[in-house]
Amino acid sequence: MKTLLKSIIGLAALAPVLLFSSCGDDNGGTKPVKPKAINITYKISTEIKDAKLESVIVSGANGRDSSISKDLKLPAEIKVRRATPPKNTEVTLKAKLDKPGKVNLEILVDNKSVKKESPTTKDAKDLATIVYKF
């Protein structure tokens, strides 16, 4: 009887220790990792005399295209900050000028040039476009 009583008291004393020791941090004490943010800069310029930038479409912070049409002047520079996109994600830069000709487009990631092209538009309705894939 004394042995049974000692066992019950021992289990009663041990139960809270076991309960609270199992309620620790589930991820081993490490903090969740936030995705690294990157800066994307889109640059547009041209050598076409008196050309005006009518519209710009860029991949925005949420990965969707954003159209910009206010206060556009050449040369133009648009900056966005976003989480590092997954591999094979594309970012785009599209520009429309009021005159056809050669348009210089560049995409920079964290101030490093990753894509630079100079497409030529044949009509003022055309968009000069470049795409960069991570």
Protein backbone atom coordinates (compact mmCIF):
# COMPACT_ATOMS: atom_id res chain seq x y z
CA MET A 1 0.00 0.00 0.00
CA LYS A 2 2.84 2.39 0.86
CA THR A 3 4.48 1.62 -2.49
CA LEU A 4 1.26 2.39 -4.37
CA LEU A 5 0.83 5.65 -2.45
CA LYS A 6 4.45 6.67 -3.20
CA SER A 7 3.92 5.88 -6.90
CA ILE A 8 0.76 8.01 -7.08
CA ILE A 9 2.47 10.95 -5.31
CA GLY A 10 5.51 10.59 -7.59
CA LEU A 11 3.33 10.63 -10.72
CA ALA A 12 1.36 13.61 -9.43
CA ALA A 13 4.60 15.52 -8.85
CA LEU A 14 6.06 14.48 -12.21
CA ALA A 15 2.95 15.24 -14.34
CA PRO A 16 3.25 19.08 -14.29
CA VAL A 17 6.96 18.87 -15.14
CA LEU A 18 6.24 16.66 -18.15
CA LEU A 19 3.30 18.83 -19.22
CA PHE A 20 5.20 22.13 -19.16
CA SER A 21 8.39 20.76 -20.66
CA SER A 22 6.48 19.56 -23.74
CA CYS A 23 4.93 23.00 -24.34
CA GLY A 24 8.11 24.55 -25.63
CA ASP A 25 8.66 26.41 -28.89
CA ASP A 26 7.60 24.16 -31.77
CA ASN A 27 10.16 25.50 -34.25
CA GLY A 28 13.19 24.73 -32.11
CA GLY A 29 13.67 28.30 -30.93
CA THR A 30 14.35 29.71 -34.40
CA LYS A 31 12.46 32.72 -35.65
CA PRO A 32 10.56 32.49 -38.93
CA VAL A 33 12.59 33.80 -41.87
CA LYS A 34 11.13 36.80 -43.68
CA PRO A 35 11.66 36.91 -47.44
CA LYS A 36 14.40 39.31 -48.43
CA ALA A 37 13.16 42.51 -50.05
CA ILE A 38 14.76 43.68 -53.29
CA ASN A 39 14.75 46.99 -55.14
CA ILE A 40 13.87 46.98 -58.82
CA THR A 41 14.64 50.05 -60.93
CA TYR A 42 13.22 50.52 -64.42
CA LYS A 43 14.99 53.05 -66.69
CA ILE A 44 13.74 54.50 -69.97
CA SER A 45 15.54 56.87 -72.34
CA THR A 46 15.67 57.65 -76.05
CA GLU A 47 17.63 59.67 -78.57
CA ILE A 48 14.49 60.57 -80.54
CA LYS A 49 14.32 64.35 -80.69
CA ASP A 50 11.38 65.90 -78.80
CA ALA A 51 9.91 62.48 -77.97
CA LYS A 52 7.42 62.30 -75.13
CA LEU A 53 6.78 59.32 -72.91
CA GLU A 54 3.06 58.54 -73.07
CA SER A 55 2.82 55.51 -70.78
CA VAL A 56 4.89 53.00 -68.85
CA ILE A 57 3.86 49.56 -67.65
CA VAL A 58 6.02 47.82 -65.02
CA SER A 59 5.76 44.73 -62.88
CA GLY A 60 4.76 46.18 -59.53
CA ALA A 61 5.41 45.20 -55.93
CA ASN A 62 2.72 42.52 -56.02
CA GLY A 63 3.96 40.98 -59.26
CA ARG A 64 1.11 42.39 -61.33
CA ASP A 65 1.50 44.98 -64.06
CA SER A 66 1.09 48.60 -63.01
CA SER A 67 0.40 51.33 -65.54
CA ILE A 68 1.98 54.74 -65.02
CA SER A 69 0.85 57.68 -67.12
CA LYS A 70 1.23 60.81 -64.96
CA ASP A 71 4.23 63.14 -64.81
CA LEU A 72 6.28 61.10 -67.27
CA LYS A 73 9.41 62.76 -68.61
CA LEU A 74 12.39 61.37 -70.45
CA PRO A 75 14.70 60.03 -69.21
CA ALA A 76 12.47 58.20 -66.72
CA GLU A 77 13.36 56.08 -63.70
CA ILE A 78 10.79 54.08 -61.74
CA LYS A 79 11.66 52.29 -58.50
CA VAL A 80 9.72 49.58 -56.68
CA ARG A 81 10.49 47.44 -53.65
CA ARG A 82 9.18 43.90 -53.40
CA ALA A 83 9.88 40.54 -51.82
CA THR A 84 12.40 38.43 -53.70
CA PRO A 85 10.36 36.64 -56.35
CA PRO A 86 10.56 32.87 -56.82
CA LYS A 87 12.85 31.46 -59.49
CA ASN A 88 11.58 31.89 -63.09
CA THR A 89 9.37 34.85 -62.15
CA GLU A 90 9.36 37.54 -64.84
CA VAL A 91 9.47 41.29 -64.43
CA THR A 92 8.64 43.48 -67.40
CA LEU A 93 9.13 47.02 -68.57
CA LYS A 94 6.96 48.42 -71.37
CA ALA A 95 7.17 51.98 -72.65
CA LYS A 96 5.13 53.89 -75.21
CA LEU A 97 6.47 57.05 -76.85
CA ASP A 98 4.59 59.51 -79.03
CA LYS A 99 7.02 58.86 -81.92
CA PRO A 100 8.43 55.65 -83.38
CA GLY A 101 12.12 54.88 -82.99
CA LYS A 102 14.77 53.37 -80.74
CA VAL A 103 13.96 53.21 -77.01
CA ASN A 104 16.61 52.38 -74.40
CA LEU A 105 15.19 50.17 -71.63
CA GLU A 106 17.00 48.82 -68.58
CA ILE A 107 16.04 46.77 -65.51
CA LEU A 108 18.21 46.93 -62.39
CA VAL A 109 17.90 44.67 -59.34
CA ASP A 110 19.49 46.04 -56.18
CA ASN A 111 21.31 48.64 -58.31
CA LYS A 112 22.86 46.01 -60.62
CA SER A 113 21.89 46.01 -64.29
CA VAL A 114 20.31 42.64 -65.13
CA LYS A 115 18.71 43.40 -68.50
CA LYS A 116 19.35 46.14 -71.03
CA GLU A 117 17.90 46.40 -74.53
CA SER A 118 17.15 49.06 -77.12
CA PRO A 119 14.11 47.90 -79.09
CA THR A 120 12.92 49.96 -82.05
CA THR A 121 9.23 50.72 -82.42
CA LYS A 122 7.90 51.09 -85.96
CA ASP A 123 4.71 52.91 -84.99
CA ALA A 124 3.76 55.36 -82.24
CA LYS A 125 1.15 52.82 -81.07
CA ASP A 126 3.81 50.16 -80.37
CA LEU A 127 5.18 49.36 -76.92
CA ALA A 128 8.91 48.89 -76.45
CA THR A 129 9.25 45.88 -74.13
CA ILE A 130 11.91 43.96 -72.20
CA VAL A 131 11.48 41.01 -69.84
CA TYR A 132 13.85 39.76 -67.14
CA LYS A 133 13.46 36.30 -65.60
CA PHE A 134 14.82 35.64 -62.11
